[in-house]
Amino acid sequence: MVCLLQELFKIKIMNKLPAGLVDNNLEFIENNGVPFVVYMGRVLPYEESVMGRDVIHHDMMVNIELVAEFSKEFDIHGIELEKKWVICRFGGFNLIPDFEQKYDKHNVEYHYCPNRSNCQLSGQVCMLPEGPGGKLTHREIETLQVIAEGDAIKMAAERMHVKETTIKTFIKNIHKKLRVNNRAELVKYAFKNNLL
């Protein structure tokens, strides 16, 4: 719960309260592998939120074929399937509500997942970050994170086990896709979109 409060505080510092705290939007948050719902000023475990579960049930029904593949991929069912769906599809904590007030408009989001590089459903259940110039690849996301953390190109190449020219190519592609011009704009994008 301490990490969750730290995230809430970080968003508040940015002069914007997260969805669900002061409005009727819904925000799903993952904290230590447990999904929570932020709604009408309260933070509840997913299982205790009737509204949150209703909205997720509807989302799962609309995506029934994808849910079947997801269930098979992780070999889970019932409430555990729901919770994993919430974490993978909406678990990131950003400034965009997961479900807006009428709950018919939702925003699937990117958030860190250790299974992302080998998950067959990556980019389908969860989303890859997308800018005006297209979606970032997994390696571009990793490059963005490493560069945003302050690593120089040489250090980033060593850390990612690639050549410096590869890192430079990734950075060029990221700049093009996100329409950013420098490291500061990259960091701003990464922070705003929960990539750090």
C-alpha atoms as a PDB file:
ATOM      1  CA  MET A   1       0.000   0.000   0.000  1.00  0.00           C
ATOM      2  CA  VAL A   2       2.960   2.350   0.616  1.00  0.00           C
ATOM      3  CA  CYS A   3       4.009   2.093  -3.063  1.00  0.00           C
ATOM      4  CA  LEU A   4       0.447   2.852  -4.111  1.00  0.00           C
ATOM      5  CA  LEU A   5       0.357   5.979  -1.943  1.00  0.00           C
ATOM      6  CA  GLN A   6       3.732   7.064  -3.335  1.00  0.00           C
ATOM      7  CA  GLU A   7       2.312   6.772  -6.864  1.00  0.00           C
ATOM      8  CA  LEU A   8      -0.751   8.812  -5.870  1.00  0.00           C
ATOM      9  CA  PHE A   9       1.524  11.458  -4.364  1.00  0.00           C
ATOM     10  CA  LYS A  10       3.700  11.548  -7.503  1.00  0.00           C
ATOM     11  CA  ILE A  11       0.606  12.216  -9.648  1.00  0.00           C
ATOM     12  CA  LYS A  12      -0.622  14.896  -7.201  1.00  0.00           C
ATOM     13  CA  ILE A  13       2.717  16.660  -7.434  1.00  0.00           C
ATOM     14  CA  MET A  14       2.101  16.967 -11.167  1.00  0.00           C
ATOM     15  CA  ASN A  15      -0.991  19.076 -10.242  1.00  0.00           C
ATOM     16  CA  LYS A  16      -3.452  16.526 -11.480  1.00  0.00           C
ATOM     17  CA  LEU A  17      -5.292  14.029  -9.368  1.00  0.00           C
ATOM     18  CA  PRO A  18      -5.635  10.546 -10.825  1.00  0.00           C
ATOM     19  CA  ALA A  19      -8.969   9.410 -12.207  1.00  0.00           C
ATOM     20  CA  GLY A  20     -11.437   8.143  -9.640  1.00  0.00           C
ATOM     21  CA  LEU A  21     -10.289  10.266  -6.726  1.00  0.00           C
ATOM     22  CA  VAL A  22     -12.409  13.333  -7.440  1.00  0.00           C
ATOM     23  CA  ASP A  23     -14.569  12.216 -10.355  1.00  0.00           C
ATOM     24  CA  ASN A  24     -16.721   9.273 -11.444  1.00  0.00           C
ATOM     25  CA  ASN A  25     -14.076   7.784 -13.702  1.00  0.00           C
ATOM     26  CA  LEU A  26     -12.466   4.422 -12.951  1.00  0.00           C
ATOM     27  CA  GLU A  27      -8.753   3.770 -12.635  1.00  0.00           C
ATOM     28  CA  PHE A  28      -7.358   0.284 -12.134  1.00  0.00           C
ATOM     29  CA  ILE A  29      -3.968   0.035 -10.455  1.00  0.00           C
ATOM     30  CA  GLU A  30      -1.641  -2.897  -9.909  1.00  0.00           C
ATOM     31  CA  ASN A  31       0.393  -2.900  -6.699  1.00  0.00           C
ATOM     32  CA  ASN A  32       2.642  -5.870  -5.922  1.00  0.00           C
ATOM     33  CA  GLY A  33       0.614  -8.137  -8.197  1.00  0.00           C
ATOM     34  CA  VAL A  34      -2.732  -7.130  -6.690  1.00  0.00           C
ATOM     35  CA  PRO A  35      -5.294  -5.103  -8.682  1.00  0.00           C
ATOM     36  CA  PHE A  36      -7.078  -2.153  -7.057  1.00  0.00           C
ATOM     37  CA  VAL A  37      -9.885   0.123  -8.230  1.00  0.00           C
ATOM     38  CA  VAL A  38      -9.872   3.897  -7.694  1.00  0.00           C
ATOM     39  CA  TYR A  39     -13.464   5.106  -7.869  1.00  0.00           C
ATOM     40  CA  MET A  40     -15.414   7.944  -6.218  1.00  0.00           C
ATOM     41  CA  GLY A  41     -12.552   8.857  -3.914  1.00  0.00           C
ATOM     42  CA  ARG A  42     -11.889   5.334  -2.686  1.00  0.00           C
ATOM     43  CA  VAL A  43      -9.189   2.753  -3.384  1.00  0.00           C
ATOM     44  CA  LEU A  44     -10.547  -0.788  -3.107  1.00  0.00           C
ATOM     45  CA  PRO A  45      -9.143  -4.226  -3.846  1.00  0.00           C
ATOM     46  CA  TYR A  46     -10.562  -5.361  -7.196  1.00  0.00           C
ATOM     47  CA  GLU A  47     -12.676  -8.147  -5.668  1.00  0.00           C
ATOM     48  CA  GLU A  48     -14.471  -5.631  -3.411  1.00  0.00           C
ATOM     49  CA  SER A  49     -15.459  -3.199  -6.168  1.00  0.00           C
ATOM     50  CA  VAL A  50     -18.839  -4.096  -7.674  1.00  0.00           C
ATOM     51  CA  MET A  51     -18.569  -1.256 -10.205  1.00  0.00           C
ATOM     52  CA  GLY A  52     -15.014  -2.227 -11.156  1.00  0.00           C
ATOM     53  CA  ARG A  53     -15.939  -5.880 -11.630  1.00  0.00           C
ATOM     54  CA  ASP A  54     -19.046  -5.004 -13.675  1.00  0.00           C
ATOM     55  CA  VAL A  55     -16.998  -2.865 -16.041  1.00  0.00           C
ATOM     56  CA  ILE A  56     -14.321  -5.562 -16.408  1.00  0.00           C
ATOM     57  CA  HIS A  57     -16.941  -8.270 -16.998  1.00  0.00           C
ATOM     58  CA  HIS A  58     -18.347  -6.149 -19.828  1.00  0.00           C
ATOM     59  CA  ASP A  59     -14.856  -5.575 -21.287  1.00  0.00           C
ATOM     60  CA  MET A  60     -14.164  -9.319 -21.132  1.00  0.00           C
ATOM     61  CA  MET A  61     -17.477 -10.159 -22.836  1.00  0.00           C
ATOM     62  CA  VAL A  62     -16.752  -7.707 -25.666  1.00  0.00           C
ATOM     63  CA  ASN A  63     -13.342  -9.376 -26.089  1.00  0.00           C
ATOM     64  CA  ILE A  64     -14.476 -12.970 -25.473  1.00  0.00           C
ATOM     65  CA  GLU A  65     -12.171 -14.585 -28.065  1.00  0.00           C
ATOM     66  CA  LEU A  66      -9.156 -12.699 -26.780  1.00  0.00           C
ATOM     67  CA  VAL A  67     -10.093 -13.635 -23.201  1.00  0.00           C
ATOM     68  CA  ALA A  68     -10.209 -17.320 -24.220  1.00  0.00           C
ATOM     69  CA  GLU A  69      -6.692 -17.050 -25.684  1.00  0.00           C
ATOM     70  CA  PHE A  70      -5.549 -15.145 -22.584  1.00  0.00           C
ATOM     71  CA  SER A  71      -6.979 -17.820 -20.278  1.00  0.00           C
ATOM     72  CA  LYS A  72      -5.190 -20.517 -22.251  1.00  0.00           C
ATOM     73  CA  GLU A  73      -1.898 -18.550 -22.371  1.00  0.00           C
ATOM     74  CA  PHE A  74      -1.749 -18.238 -18.565  1.00  0.00           C
ATOM     75  CA  ASP A  75      -3.782 -21.353 -17.679  1.00  0.00           C
ATOM     76  CA  ILE A  76      -6.064 -19.425 -15.306  1.00  0.00           C
ATOM     77  CA  HIS A  77      -9.835 -19.086 -14.853  1.00  0.00           C
ATOM     78  CA  GLY A  78     -12.463 -17.339 -12.705  1.00  0.00           C
ATOM     79  CA  ILE A  79     -11.452 -14.497 -10.411  1.00  0.00           C
ATOM     80  CA  GLU A  80      -7.742 -15.123 -11.054  1.00  0.00           C
ATOM     81  CA  LEU A  81      -8.377 -14.637 -14.782  1.00  0.00           C
ATOM     82  CA  GLU A  82     -10.244 -11.381 -14.092  1.00  0.00           C
ATOM     83  CA  LYS A  83      -7.464 -10.058 -11.868  1.00  0.00           C
ATOM     84  CA  LYS A  84      -4.739 -10.936 -14.397  1.00  0.00           C
ATOM     85  CA  TRP A  85      -6.843  -9.327 -17.193  1.00  0.00           C
ATOM     86  CA  VAL A  86      -7.130  -6.126 -15.132  1.00  0.00           C
ATOM     87  CA  ILE A  87      -3.398  -6.049 -14.406  1.00  0.00           C
ATOM     88  CA  CYS A  88      -2.325  -6.720 -17.993  1.00  0.00           C
ATOM     89  CA  ARG A  89      -4.888  -4.486 -19.657  1.00  0.00           C
ATOM     90  CA  PHE A  90      -5.322  -1.569 -17.239  1.00  0.00           C
ATOM     91  CA  GLY A  91      -2.798  -1.986 -14.390  1.00  0.00           C
ATOM     92  CA  GLY A  92      -0.592   0.985 -15.193  1.00  0.00           C
ATOM     93  CA  PHE A  93      -1.039   4.196 -13.242  1.00  0.00           C
ATOM     94  CA  ASN A  94      -1.140   7.234 -15.465  1.00  0.00           C
ATOM     95  CA  LEU A  95      -3.114  10.437 -15.906  1.00  0.00           C
ATOM     96  CA  ILE A  96      -5.710   8.954 -18.261  1.00  0.00           C
ATOM     97  CA  PRO A  97      -8.787   7.228 -16.767  1.00  0.00           C
ATOM     98  CA  ASP A  98      -9.117   3.557 -17.660  1.00  0.00           C
ATOM     99  CA  PHE A  99     -12.883   3.977 -17.988  1.00  0.00           C
ATOM    100  CA  GLU A 100     -14.517   7.350 -18.426  1.00  0.00           C
ATOM    101  CA  GLN A 101     -17.762   8.316 -16.689  1.00  0.00           C
ATOM    102  CA  LYS A 102     -20.255   6.479 -18.884  1.00  0.00           C
ATOM    103  CA  TYR A 103     -17.901   3.460 -18.920  1.00  0.00           C
ATOM    104  CA  ASP A 104     -18.382   2.919 -22.639  1.00  0.00           C
ATOM    105  CA  LYS A 105     -15.035   4.528 -23.461  1.00  0.00           C
ATOM    106  CA  HIS A 106     -11.969   2.813 -22.087  1.00  0.00           C
ATOM    107  CA  ASN A 107      -8.260   3.373 -22.434  1.00  0.00           C
ATOM    108  CA  VAL A 108      -6.138   0.251 -22.546  1.00  0.00           C
ATOM    109  CA  GLU A 109      -2.658   1.172 -21.385  1.00  0.00           C
ATOM    110  CA  TYR A 110       0.934   0.108 -21.269  1.00  0.00           C
ATOM    111  CA  HIS A 111       2.579  -0.819 -18.031  1.00  0.00           C
ATOM    112  CA  TYR A 112       5.678  -2.759 -17.105  1.00  0.00           C
ATOM    113  CA  CYS A 113       5.352  -6.516 -17.444  1.00  0.00           C
ATOM    114  CA  PRO A 114       8.215  -9.000 -17.067  1.00  0.00           C
ATOM    115  CA  ASN A 115       6.422 -11.359 -19.515  1.00  0.00           C
ATOM    116  CA  ARG A 116       6.083  -8.780 -22.270  1.00  0.00           C
ATOM    117  CA  SER A 117       8.915 -10.025 -24.494  1.00  0.00           C
ATOM    118  CA  ASN A 118       7.640 -13.615 -24.566  1.00  0.00           C
ATOM    119  CA  CYS A 119       3.868 -13.168 -24.146  1.00  0.00           C
ATOM    120  CA  GLN A 120       1.972 -14.213 -27.279  1.00  0.00           C
ATOM    121  CA  LEU A 121      -0.723 -11.608 -26.573  1.00  0.00           C
ATOM    122  CA  SER A 122       1.520  -8.605 -25.987  1.00  0.00           C
ATOM    123  CA  GLY A 123       0.119  -5.621 -27.843  1.00  0.00           C
ATOM    124  CA  GLN A 124      -3.350  -7.218 -27.982  1.00  0.00           C
ATOM    125  CA  VAL A 125      -4.466  -7.443 -24.342  1.00  0.00           C
ATOM    126  CA  CYS A 126      -2.084  -4.720 -23.242  1.00  0.00           C
ATOM    127  CA  MET A 127      -1.015  -1.850 -25.418  1.00  0.00           C
ATOM    128  CA  LEU A 128       2.351  -0.809 -26.696  1.00  0.00           C
ATOM    129  CA  PRO A 129       3.005   2.927 -26.339  1.00  0.00           C
ATOM    130  CA  GLU A 130       2.080   4.773 -29.489  1.00  0.00           C
ATOM    131  CA  GLY A 131       2.999   8.196 -30.714  1.00  0.00           C
ATOM    132  CA  PRO A 132       1.871  10.150 -33.768  1.00  0.00           C
ATOM    133  CA  GLY A 133       4.432   8.206 -35.845  1.00  0.00           C
ATOM    134  CA  GLY A 134       3.477   4.687 -34.745  1.00  0.00           C
ATOM    135  CA  LYS A 135       3.818   2.114 -31.980  1.00  0.00           C
ATOM    136  CA  LEU A 136       7.081   1.587 -30.175  1.00  0.00           C
ATOM    137  CA  THR A 137       8.620  -1.876 -30.299  1.00  0.00           C
ATOM    138  CA  HIS A 138       9.648  -3.717 -27.139  1.00  0.00           C
ATOM    139  CA  ARG A 139      13.302  -2.851 -27.733  1.00  0.00           C
ATOM    140  CA  GLU A 140      12.473   0.803 -28.381  1.00  0.00           C
ATOM    141  CA  ILE A 141      10.568   0.908 -25.071  1.00  0.00           C
ATOM    142  CA  GLU A 142      13.548  -0.635 -23.307  1.00  0.00           C
ATOM    143  CA  THR A 143      15.871   1.904 -24.973  1.00  0.00           C
ATOM    144  CA  LEU A 144      13.595   4.780 -23.991  1.00  0.00           C
ATOM    145  CA  GLN A 145      13.621   3.586 -20.367  1.00  0.00           C
ATOM    146  CA  VAL A 146      17.393   3.207 -20.252  1.00  0.00           C
ATOM    147  CA  ILE A 147      18.022   6.589 -21.899  1.00  0.00           C
ATOM    148  CA  ALA A 148      15.393   8.304 -19.704  1.00  0.00           C
ATOM    149  CA  GLU A 149      17.157   6.912 -16.618  1.00  0.00           C
ATOM    150  CA  GLY A 150      20.228   8.858 -17.716  1.00  0.00           C
ATOM    151  CA  ASP A 151      22.429   6.246 -19.373  1.00  0.00           C
ATOM    152  CA  ALA A 152      24.711   7.436 -22.150  1.00  0.00           C
ATOM    153  CA  ILE A 153      24.523   5.627 -25.479  1.00  0.00           C
ATOM    154  CA  LYS A 154      27.604   3.512 -24.705  1.00  0.00           C
ATOM    155  CA  MET A 155      26.237   2.452 -21.308  1.00  0.00           C
ATOM    156  CA  ALA A 156      22.784   1.749 -22.806  1.00  0.00           C
ATOM    157  CA  ALA A 157      24.381  -0.472 -25.462  1.00  0.00           C
ATOM    158  CA  GLU A 158      26.294  -2.434 -22.823  1.00  0.00           C
ATOM    159  CA  ARG A 159      23.217  -2.773 -20.629  1.00  0.00           C
ATOM    160  CA  MET A 160      21.054  -3.981 -23.528  1.00  0.00           C
ATOM    161  CA  HIS A 161      23.822  -6.167 -25.050  1.00  0.00           C
ATOM    162  CA  VAL A 162      23.724  -4.449 -28.443  1.00  0.00           C
ATOM    163  CA  LYS A 163      26.020  -2.191 -30.480  1.00  0.00           C
ATOM    164  CA  GLU A 164      26.033   1.580 -30.003  1.00  0.00           C
ATOM    165  CA  THR A 165      24.805   1.993 -33.583  1.00  0.00           C
ATOM    166  CA  THR A 166      21.753  -0.114 -32.698  1.00  0.00           C
ATOM    167  CA  ILE A 167      20.958   2.180 -29.756  1.00  0.00           C
ATOM    168  CA  LYS A 168      21.335   5.205 -32.030  1.00  0.00           C
ATOM    169  CA  THR A 169      18.907   3.609 -34.502  1.00  0.00           C
ATOM    170  CA  PHE A 170      16.412   2.885 -31.714  1.00  0.00           C
ATOM    171  CA  ILE A 171      16.664   6.488 -30.500  1.00  0.00           C
ATOM    172  CA  LYS A 172      16.165   7.828 -34.025  1.00  0.00           C
ATOM    173  CA  ASN A 173      13.062   5.627 -34.415  1.00  0.00           C
ATOM    174  CA  ILE A 174      11.707   6.710 -31.012  1.00  0.00           C
ATOM    175  CA  HIS A 175      12.156  10.392 -31.859  1.00  0.00           C
ATOM    176  CA  LYS A 176      10.378   9.851 -35.170  1.00  0.00           C
ATOM    177  CA  LYS A 177       7.467   7.862 -33.689  1.00  0.00           C
ATOM    178  CA  LEU A 178       6.924  10.145 -30.695  1.00  0.00           C
ATOM    179  CA  ARG A 179       7.728  13.376 -32.535  1.00  0.00           C
ATOM    180  CA  VAL A 180      10.213  14.425 -29.841  1.00  0.00           C
ATOM    181  CA  ASN A 181      13.525  16.176 -30.379  1.00  0.00           C
ATOM    182  CA  ASN A 182      15.615  15.595 -27.264  1.00  0.00           C
ATOM    183  CA  ARG A 183      16.154  13.586 -24.099  1.00  0.00           C
ATOM    184  CA  ALA A 184      14.052  15.957 -21.956  1.00  0.00           C
ATOM    185  CA  GLU A 185      11.030  15.402 -24.195  1.00  0.00           C
ATOM    186  CA  LEU A 186      11.678  11.637 -24.090  1.00  0.00           C
ATOM    187  CA  VAL A 187      11.747  11.667 -20.284  1.00  0.00           C
ATOM    188  CA  LYS A 188       8.557  13.727 -20.162  1.00  0.00           C
ATOM    189  CA  TYR A 189       6.804  11.260 -22.483  1.00  0.00           C
ATOM    190  CA  ALA A 190       8.110   8.251 -20.529  1.00  0.00           C
ATOM    191  CA  PHE A 191       6.982   9.697 -17.194  1.00  0.00           C
ATOM    192  CA  LYS A 192       3.548  10.764 -18.458  1.00  0.00           C
ATOM    193  CA  ASN A 193       2.935   7.332 -19.986  1.00  0.00           C
ATOM    194  CA  ASN A 194       4.104   5.287 -16.992  1.00  0.00           C
ATOM    195  CA  LEU A 195       7.184   3.878 -18.722  1.00  0.00           C
ATOM    196  CA  LEU A 196       9.577   4.642 -15.876  1.00  0.00           C
END
